[in-house]
Amino acid sequence: MTHEHPPASEAASYQSNFAVVHFSRTYDEAFTLLVEARNYLSAHRGRNRGRNREAIAQCVEEMRMTTRLIRAMAWLLTVRAVEEGEMNWDEAVDVDDLMVDLRVCIDDHRDDCGLLSPALMDLMGRARALYMRTARMELQVAARCSG
């Protein structure tokens, strides 16, 4: 899956570490994962949806996976807005919001979910890895903007 990405603007107030090519691949990965997760969850809607503890734990982890993907995509779109000159890095980083997201998204309780399909486990792992990469990027920018 490819998307056209315009070149980075020279007007950004913070000198970005994100090369356009690297950003493009990460964005494409996030978009692909988001669509893959949507398709998986839609196809498996209603399965294992009892009120037992394992079903609830699985639902929570599926929501955490979705949150990770949405948060990663939001950050990547923010990077694109900064690179296009639509906002500056100081406006792009909300440290309080980032800290709340980190507390929710870093947790990993897949082991509490009982028997998850290998496909779902793979999706959850890739979503977590993507989220951790984008969170590190955002933390780096936050540190430079506040320092």
N, C-alpha and C. Protein backbone atom coordinates (compact mmCIF):
# COMPACT_ATOMS: atom_id res chain seq x y z
N MET A 1 0.86 -1.17 0.00
CA MET A 1 0.00 0.00 0.00
C MET A 1 0.90 1.23 0.00
N THR A 2 0.72 2.10 -0.96
CA THR A 2 1.54 3.31 -1.02
C THR A 2 0.63 4.52 -1.04
N HIS A 3 1.15 5.58 -0.47
CA HIS A 3 0.46 6.86 -0.45
C HIS A 3 1.47 7.92 -0.84
N GLU A 4 1.01 8.93 -1.52
CA GLU A 4 1.89 10.03 -1.86
C GLU A 4 2.07 10.93 -0.65
N HIS A 5 3.31 11.19 -0.27
CA HIS A 5 3.59 12.08 0.84
C HIS A 5 4.37 13.27 0.33
N PRO A 6 3.86 14.47 0.57
CA PRO A 6 4.57 15.65 0.11
C PRO A 6 5.87 15.81 0.89
N PRO A 7 6.83 16.52 0.32
CA PRO A 7 8.10 16.72 1.02
C PRO A 7 7.90 17.54 2.29
N ALA A 8 8.79 17.33 3.24
CA ALA A 8 8.74 18.06 4.51
C ALA A 8 9.01 19.54 4.26
N SER A 9 8.34 20.38 5.03
CA SER A 9 8.55 21.82 4.87
C SER A 9 9.80 22.24 5.63
N GLU A 10 10.39 23.31 5.21
CA GLU A 10 11.57 23.86 5.89
C GLU A 10 11.16 24.77 7.03
N ALA A 11 9.86 25.05 7.18
CA ALA A 11 9.41 26.04 8.15
C ALA A 11 9.18 25.47 9.55
N ALA A 12 9.38 24.18 9.74
CA ALA A 12 9.14 23.59 11.06
C ALA A 12 10.11 24.18 12.08
N SER A 13 9.59 24.56 13.27
CA SER A 13 10.43 25.20 14.28
C SER A 13 11.38 24.23 14.96
N TYR A 14 11.10 22.96 14.91
CA TYR A 14 11.93 21.93 15.52
C TYR A 14 12.51 21.12 14.39
N GLN A 15 13.80 20.90 14.44
CA GLN A 15 14.45 20.14 13.38
C GLN A 15 14.08 18.66 13.55
N SER A 16 13.28 18.14 12.70
CA SER A 16 12.73 16.80 12.81
C SER A 16 13.79 15.72 12.60
N ASN A 17 13.66 14.64 13.36
CA ASN A 17 14.49 13.45 13.16
C ASN A 17 13.84 12.49 12.17
N PHE A 18 12.66 12.78 11.72
CA PHE A 18 11.88 11.84 10.94
C PHE A 18 12.07 12.13 9.46
N ALA A 19 12.82 11.27 8.80
CA ALA A 19 12.98 11.41 7.36
C ALA A 19 11.64 11.10 6.70
N VAL A 20 11.38 11.73 5.59
CA VAL A 20 10.11 11.55 4.91
C VAL A 20 9.90 10.08 4.54
N VAL A 21 10.94 9.40 4.08
CA VAL A 21 10.82 8.00 3.69
C VAL A 21 10.46 7.15 4.91
N HIS A 22 11.15 7.37 6.03
CA HIS A 22 10.87 6.62 7.25
C HIS A 22 9.44 6.90 7.71
N PHE A 23 9.05 8.15 7.68
CA PHE A 23 7.69 8.51 8.08
C PHE A 23 6.69 7.81 7.18
N SER A 24 6.94 7.80 5.90
CA SER A 24 6.01 7.21 4.95
C SER A 24 5.82 5.72 5.24
N ARG A 25 6.90 5.01 5.51
CA ARG A 25 6.79 3.58 5.82
C ARG A 25 6.03 3.36 7.11
N THR A 26 6.31 4.17 8.13
CA THR A 26 5.62 4.03 9.41
C THR A 26 4.14 4.34 9.25
N TYR A 27 3.83 5.38 8.51
CA TYR A 27 2.43 5.74 8.26
C TYR A 27 1.72 4.61 7.52
N ASP A 28 2.36 4.08 6.49
CA ASP A 28 1.77 2.98 5.73
C ASP A 28 1.55 1.77 6.62
N GLU A 29 2.51 1.48 7.49
CA GLU A 29 2.37 0.36 8.42
C GLU A 29 1.19 0.58 9.37
N ALA A 30 1.08 1.78 9.90
CA ALA A 30 -0.01 2.10 10.83
C ALA A 30 -1.36 1.99 10.13
N PHE A 31 -1.45 2.53 8.94
CA PHE A 31 -2.71 2.48 8.20
C PHE A 31 -3.10 1.04 7.89
N THR A 32 -2.13 0.25 7.44
CA THR A 32 -2.39 -1.15 7.11
C THR A 32 -2.83 -1.93 8.35
N LEU A 33 -2.15 -1.71 9.47
CA LEU A 33 -2.52 -2.39 10.71
C LEU A 33 -3.92 -1.99 11.18
N LEU A 34 -4.23 -0.72 11.05
CA LEU A 34 -5.56 -0.24 11.46
C LEU A 34 -6.65 -0.92 10.64
N VAL A 35 -6.46 -1.02 9.35
CA VAL A 35 -7.43 -1.69 8.48
C VAL A 35 -7.49 -3.19 8.80
N GLU A 36 -6.32 -3.80 9.01
CA GLU A 36 -6.28 -5.22 9.33
C GLU A 36 -7.01 -5.51 10.65
N ALA A 37 -6.80 -4.66 11.65
CA ALA A 37 -7.47 -4.83 12.94
C ALA A 37 -8.98 -4.66 12.79
N ARG A 38 -9.39 -3.66 12.02
CA ARG A 38 -10.82 -3.45 11.78
C ARG A 38 -11.44 -4.68 11.12
N ASN A 39 -10.76 -5.20 10.12
CA ASN A 39 -11.28 -6.37 9.42
C ASN A 39 -11.35 -7.59 10.33
N TYR A 40 -10.31 -7.80 11.12
CA TYR A 40 -10.29 -8.94 12.03
C TYR A 40 -11.41 -8.83 13.05
N LEU A 41 -11.51 -7.68 13.69
CA LEU A 41 -12.53 -7.50 14.73
C LEU A 41 -13.94 -7.58 14.17
N SER A 42 -14.15 -7.06 12.97
CA SER A 42 -15.47 -7.16 12.33
C SER A 42 -15.82 -8.61 12.01
N ALA A 43 -14.85 -9.36 11.52
CA ALA A 43 -15.10 -10.75 11.15
C ALA A 43 -15.34 -11.64 12.36
N HIS A 44 -14.79 -11.24 13.51
CA HIS A 44 -14.89 -12.08 14.71
C HIS A 44 -15.80 -11.47 15.77
N ARG A 45 -16.59 -10.50 15.39
CA ARG A 45 -17.52 -9.85 16.32
C ARG A 45 -18.48 -10.89 16.88
N GLY A 46 -18.67 -10.84 18.18
CA GLY A 46 -19.64 -11.73 18.81
C GLY A 46 -19.08 -13.05 19.30
N ARG A 47 -17.90 -13.44 18.82
CA ARG A 47 -17.29 -14.68 19.31
C ARG A 47 -16.68 -14.44 20.68
N ASN A 48 -16.83 -15.38 21.54
CA ASN A 48 -16.26 -15.32 22.89
C ASN A 48 -16.67 -14.05 23.62
N ARG A 49 -17.93 -13.69 23.52
CA ARG A 49 -18.41 -12.45 24.13
C ARG A 49 -19.31 -12.71 25.33
N GLY A 50 -19.03 -13.76 26.07
CA GLY A 50 -19.79 -14.01 27.28
C GLY A 50 -19.43 -13.00 28.35
N ARG A 51 -19.94 -13.20 29.51
CA ARG A 51 -19.65 -12.29 30.61
C ARG A 51 -18.61 -12.88 31.56
N ASN A 52 -17.95 -13.93 31.12
CA ASN A 52 -16.93 -14.50 31.99
C ASN A 52 -15.68 -13.62 31.99
N ARG A 53 -14.84 -13.86 32.93
CA ARG A 53 -13.66 -13.02 33.15
C ARG A 53 -12.72 -12.99 31.93
N GLU A 54 -12.53 -14.14 31.30
CA GLU A 54 -11.64 -14.21 30.13
C GLU A 54 -12.20 -13.42 28.95
N ALA A 55 -13.49 -13.49 28.73
CA ALA A 55 -14.11 -12.75 27.61
C ALA A 55 -13.99 -11.25 27.83
N ILE A 56 -14.18 -10.82 29.06
CA ILE A 56 -14.05 -9.39 29.37
C ILE A 56 -12.60 -8.94 29.21
N ALA A 57 -11.67 -9.77 29.68
CA ALA A 57 -10.24 -9.44 29.53
C ALA A 57 -9.86 -9.34 28.06
N GLN A 58 -10.38 -10.25 27.23
CA GLN A 58 -10.09 -10.20 25.80
C GLN A 58 -10.64 -8.93 25.18
N CYS A 59 -11.84 -8.55 25.55
CA CYS A 59 -12.46 -7.33 25.03
C CYS A 59 -11.62 -6.11 25.40
N VAL A 60 -11.15 -6.06 26.64
CA VAL A 60 -10.32 -4.94 27.10
C VAL A 60 -9.03 -4.89 26.28
N GLU A 61 -8.41 -6.03 26.04
CA GLU A 61 -7.16 -6.04 25.27
C GLU A 61 -7.39 -5.67 23.81
N GLU A 62 -8.54 -6.06 23.25
CA GLU A 62 -8.86 -5.65 21.88
C GLU A 62 -9.04 -4.13 21.81
N MET A 63 -9.69 -3.56 22.83
CA MET A 63 -9.85 -2.10 22.86
C MET A 63 -8.50 -1.42 23.05
N ARG A 64 -7.62 -2.00 23.87
CA ARG A 64 -6.29 -1.43 24.07
C ARG A 64 -5.51 -1.46 22.75
N MET A 65 -5.65 -2.55 22.00
CA MET A 65 -4.99 -2.66 20.70
C MET A 65 -5.49 -1.55 19.77
N THR A 66 -6.80 -1.37 19.73
CA THR A 66 -7.39 -0.32 18.89
C THR A 66 -6.92 1.06 19.32
N THR A 67 -6.86 1.28 20.62
CA THR A 67 -6.38 2.57 21.14
C THR A 67 -4.94 2.81 20.73
N ARG A 68 -4.10 1.80 20.82
CA ARG A 68 -2.70 1.94 20.39
C ARG A 68 -2.61 2.34 18.93
N LEU A 69 -3.39 1.68 18.09
CA LEU A 69 -3.34 1.98 16.66
C LEU A 69 -3.85 3.38 16.35
N ILE A 70 -4.93 3.77 16.99
CA ILE A 70 -5.48 5.10 16.76
C ILE A 70 -4.51 6.17 17.26
N ARG A 71 -3.92 5.94 18.41
CA ARG A 71 -2.97 6.91 18.98
C ARG A 71 -1.72 7.04 18.10
N ALA A 72 -1.23 5.90 17.59
CA ALA A 72 -0.08 5.94 16.70
C ALA A 72 -0.42 6.70 15.43
N MET A 73 -1.58 6.44 14.86
CA MET A 73 -1.99 7.13 13.64
C MET A 73 -2.17 8.63 13.90
N ALA A 74 -2.72 8.98 15.06
CA ALA A 74 -2.90 10.40 15.40
C ALA A 74 -1.55 11.10 15.47
N TRP A 75 -0.56 10.44 16.07
CA TRP A 75 0.77 11.06 16.17
C TRP A 75 1.38 11.22 14.78
N LEU A 76 1.25 10.21 13.94
CA LEU A 76 1.82 10.29 12.60
C LEU A 76 1.15 11.38 11.77
N LEU A 77 -0.14 11.56 11.94
CA LEU A 77 -0.82 12.65 11.24
C LEU A 77 -0.39 14.01 11.79
N THR A 78 -0.10 14.06 13.09
CA THR A 78 0.42 15.30 13.68
C THR A 78 1.79 15.63 13.11
N VAL A 79 2.64 14.62 12.97
CA VAL A 79 3.97 14.82 12.36
C VAL A 79 3.80 15.37 10.95
N ARG A 80 2.87 14.80 10.22
CA ARG A 80 2.63 15.29 8.85
C ARG A 80 2.19 16.75 8.86
N ALA A 81 1.32 17.13 9.81
CA ALA A 81 0.85 18.52 9.90
C ALA A 81 2.02 19.46 10.21
N VAL A 82 2.91 19.06 11.08
CA VAL A 82 4.07 19.89 11.41
C VAL A 82 4.98 20.01 10.19
N GLU A 83 5.25 18.90 9.55
CA GLU A 83 6.12 18.91 8.37
C GLU A 83 5.54 19.75 7.24
N GLU A 84 4.22 19.86 7.19
CA GLU A 84 3.55 20.68 6.18
C GLU A 84 3.47 22.15 6.59
N GLY A 85 3.88 22.46 7.82
CA GLY A 85 3.84 23.84 8.28
C GLY A 85 2.48 24.27 8.81
N GLU A 86 1.57 23.31 9.03
CA GLU A 86 0.23 23.64 9.50
C GLU A 86 0.20 23.91 11.01
N MET A 87 1.20 23.43 11.73
CA MET A 87 1.32 23.68 13.17
C MET A 87 2.80 23.55 13.53
N ASN A 88 3.15 23.99 14.73
CA ASN A 88 4.54 23.84 15.14
C ASN A 88 4.66 22.72 16.17
N TRP A 89 5.89 22.32 16.48
CA TRP A 89 6.10 21.20 17.39
C TRP A 89 5.56 21.47 18.79
N ASP A 90 5.65 22.71 19.25
CA ASP A 90 5.12 23.03 20.58
C ASP A 90 3.62 22.77 20.66
N GLU A 91 2.90 23.05 19.58
CA GLU A 91 1.46 22.77 19.55
C GLU A 91 1.18 21.28 19.39
N ALA A 92 2.10 20.57 18.80
CA ALA A 92 1.88 19.16 18.48
C ALA A 92 1.96 18.24 19.70
N VAL A 93 2.72 18.66 20.70
CA VAL A 93 2.96 17.78 21.84
C VAL A 93 2.14 18.23 23.04
N ASP A 94 1.33 17.32 23.56
CA ASP A 94 0.58 17.54 24.79
C ASP A 94 1.08 16.50 25.79
N VAL A 95 1.99 16.91 26.66
CA VAL A 95 2.65 15.97 27.57
C VAL A 95 1.64 15.30 28.51
N ASP A 96 0.65 16.03 29.00
CA ASP A 96 -0.34 15.43 29.89
C ASP A 96 -1.12 14.32 29.17
N ASP A 97 -1.55 14.59 27.97
CA ASP A 97 -2.28 13.60 27.17
C ASP A 97 -1.39 12.40 26.88
N LEU A 98 -0.13 12.66 26.55
CA LEU A 98 0.82 11.59 26.27
C LEU A 98 1.00 10.68 27.48
N MET A 99 1.10 11.25 28.67
CA MET A 99 1.30 10.45 29.88
C MET A 99 0.08 9.57 30.17
N VAL A 100 -1.11 10.08 29.94
CA VAL A 100 -2.33 9.27 30.13
C VAL A 100 -2.32 8.12 29.13
N ASP A 101 -2.02 8.42 27.88
CA ASP A 101 -1.98 7.37 26.86
C ASP A 101 -0.94 6.31 27.18
N LEU A 102 0.21 6.73 27.64
CA LEU A 102 1.26 5.77 27.98
C LEU A 102 0.80 4.79 29.05
N ARG A 103 0.13 5.31 30.08
CA ARG A 103 -0.35 4.43 31.16
C ARG A 103 -1.33 3.39 30.62
N VAL A 104 -2.18 3.78 29.69
CA VAL A 104 -3.17 2.85 29.14
C VAL A 104 -2.53 1.90 28.13
N CYS A 105 -1.71 2.41 27.26
CA CYS A 105 -1.23 1.64 26.11
C CYS A 105 -0.03 0.75 26.40
N ILE A 106 0.74 1.05 27.40
CA ILE A 106 1.92 0.22 27.69
C ILE A 106 1.51 -1.10 28.34
N ASP A 107 0.46 -1.08 29.15
CA ASP A 107 0.01 -2.32 29.80
C ASP A 107 -0.20 -3.41 28.77
N ASP A 108 0.10 -4.62 29.18
CA ASP A 108 -0.08 -5.76 28.29
C ASP A 108 -0.56 -6.94 29.12
N HIS A 109 -1.83 -7.24 29.00
CA HIS A 109 -2.43 -8.31 29.79
C HIS A 109 -2.98 -9.41 28.89
N ARG A 110 -2.31 -9.66 27.77
CA ARG A 110 -2.78 -10.70 26.86
C ARG A 110 -2.83 -12.07 27.52
N ASP A 111 -1.94 -12.30 28.47
CA ASP A 111 -1.90 -13.61 29.15
C ASP A 111 -3.16 -13.87 29.96
N ASP A 112 -3.89 -12.81 30.34
CA ASP A 112 -5.11 -12.97 31.11
C ASP A 112 -6.32 -13.31 30.24
N CYS A 113 -6.12 -13.37 28.95
CA CYS A 113 -7.25 -13.52 28.03
C CYS A 113 -7.58 -14.95 27.66
N GLY A 114 -6.89 -15.90 28.20
CA GLY A 114 -7.20 -17.29 27.86
C GLY A 114 -6.69 -17.64 26.49
N LEU A 115 -7.53 -18.24 25.71
CA LEU A 115 -7.13 -18.75 24.40
C LEU A 115 -7.41 -17.73 23.30
N LEU A 116 -6.43 -16.92 23.00
CA LEU A 116 -6.56 -15.98 21.88
C LEU A 116 -6.04 -16.65 20.63
N SER A 117 -6.63 -16.31 19.52
CA SER A 117 -6.17 -16.88 18.25
C SER A 117 -4.76 -16.37 17.94
N PRO A 118 -3.97 -17.16 17.24
CA PRO A 118 -2.64 -16.70 16.84
C PRO A 118 -2.70 -15.41 16.02
N ALA A 119 -3.73 -15.28 15.19
CA ALA A 119 -3.86 -14.06 14.36
C ALA A 119 -4.08 -12.83 15.24
N LEU A 120 -4.93 -12.95 16.25
CA LEU A 120 -5.18 -11.82 17.15
C LEU A 120 -3.94 -11.51 17.98
N MET A 121 -3.24 -12.54 18.45
CA MET A 121 -2.01 -12.32 19.22
C MET A 121 -0.98 -11.58 18.36
N ASP A 122 -0.89 -11.97 17.09
CA ASP A 122 0.05 -11.32 16.18
C ASP A 122 -0.34 -9.86 15.97
N LEU A 123 -1.61 -9.60 15.74
CA LEU A 123 -2.09 -8.23 15.56
C LEU A 123 -1.79 -7.38 16.80
N MET A 124 -2.08 -7.92 17.97
CA MET A 124 -1.84 -7.20 19.22
C MET A 124 -0.36 -6.89 19.40
N GLY A 125 0.49 -7.84 19.09
CA GLY A 125 1.93 -7.62 19.21
C GLY A 125 2.44 -6.56 18.26
N ARG A 126 1.98 -6.59 17.02
CA ARG A 126 2.41 -5.58 16.05
C ARG A 126 1.87 -4.20 16.40
N ALA A 127 0.63 -4.14 16.91
CA ALA A 127 0.07 -2.85 17.32
C ALA A 127 0.86 -2.28 18.49
N ARG A 128 1.25 -3.11 19.43
CA ARG A 128 2.03 -2.63 20.58
C ARG A 128 3.40 -2.14 20.12
N ALA A 129 4.05 -2.88 19.24
CA ALA A 129 5.37 -2.47 18.74
C ALA A 129 5.29 -1.13 18.00
N LEU A 130 4.28 -0.97 17.17
CA LEU A 130 4.09 0.30 16.45
C LEU A 130 3.83 1.43 17.44
N TYR A 131 2.95 1.19 18.40
CA TYR A 131 2.66 2.23 19.39
C TYR A 131 3.93 2.62 20.15
N MET A 132 4.72 1.65 20.56
CA MET A 132 5.93 1.96 21.33
C MET A 132 6.90 2.80 20.49
N ARG A 133 7.02 2.51 19.20
CA ARG A 133 7.90 3.32 18.33
C ARG A 133 7.40 4.75 18.24
N THR A 134 6.10 4.92 18.00
CA THR A 134 5.58 6.28 17.85
C THR A 134 5.60 7.02 19.19
N ALA A 135 5.39 6.33 20.30
CA ALA A 135 5.46 6.98 21.61
C ALA A 135 6.87 7.46 21.89
N ARG A 136 7.87 6.66 21.51
CA ARG A 136 9.27 7.11 21.69
C ARG A 136 9.54 8.36 20.87
N MET A 137 9.02 8.38 19.63
CA MET A 137 9.19 9.58 18.80
C MET A 137 8.58 10.80 19.50
N GLU A 138 7.37 10.62 20.00
CA GLU A 138 6.68 11.74 20.65
C GLU A 138 7.41 12.17 21.92
N LEU A 139 7.92 11.23 22.68
CA LEU A 139 8.68 11.57 23.89
C LEU A 139 9.95 12.33 23.54
N GLN A 140 10.61 11.95 22.46
CA GLN A 140 11.81 12.67 22.03
C GLN A 140 11.48 14.12 21.66
N VAL A 141 10.41 14.30 20.93
CA VAL A 141 10.00 15.65 20.54
C VAL A 141 9.60 16.45 21.79
N ALA A 142 8.86 15.83 22.70
CA ALA A 142 8.44 16.51 23.93
C ALA A 142 9.65 16.95 24.73
N ALA A 143 10.66 16.12 24.83
CA ALA A 143 11.87 16.46 25.58
C ALA A 143 12.60 17.64 24.94
N ARG A 144 12.66 17.66 23.62
CA ARG A 144 13.36 18.77 22.95
C ARG A 144 12.56 20.06 23.00
N CYS A 145 11.24 19.95 22.95
CA CYS A 145 10.41 21.16 22.98
C CYS A 145 10.40 21.78 24.38
N SER A 146 10.47 20.97 25.41
CA SER A 146 10.42 21.51 26.77
C SER A 146 11.81 21.83 27.30
N GLY A 147 12.83 21.40 26.62
CA GLY A 147 14.20 21.59 27.10
C GLY A 147 14.91 22.72 26.55
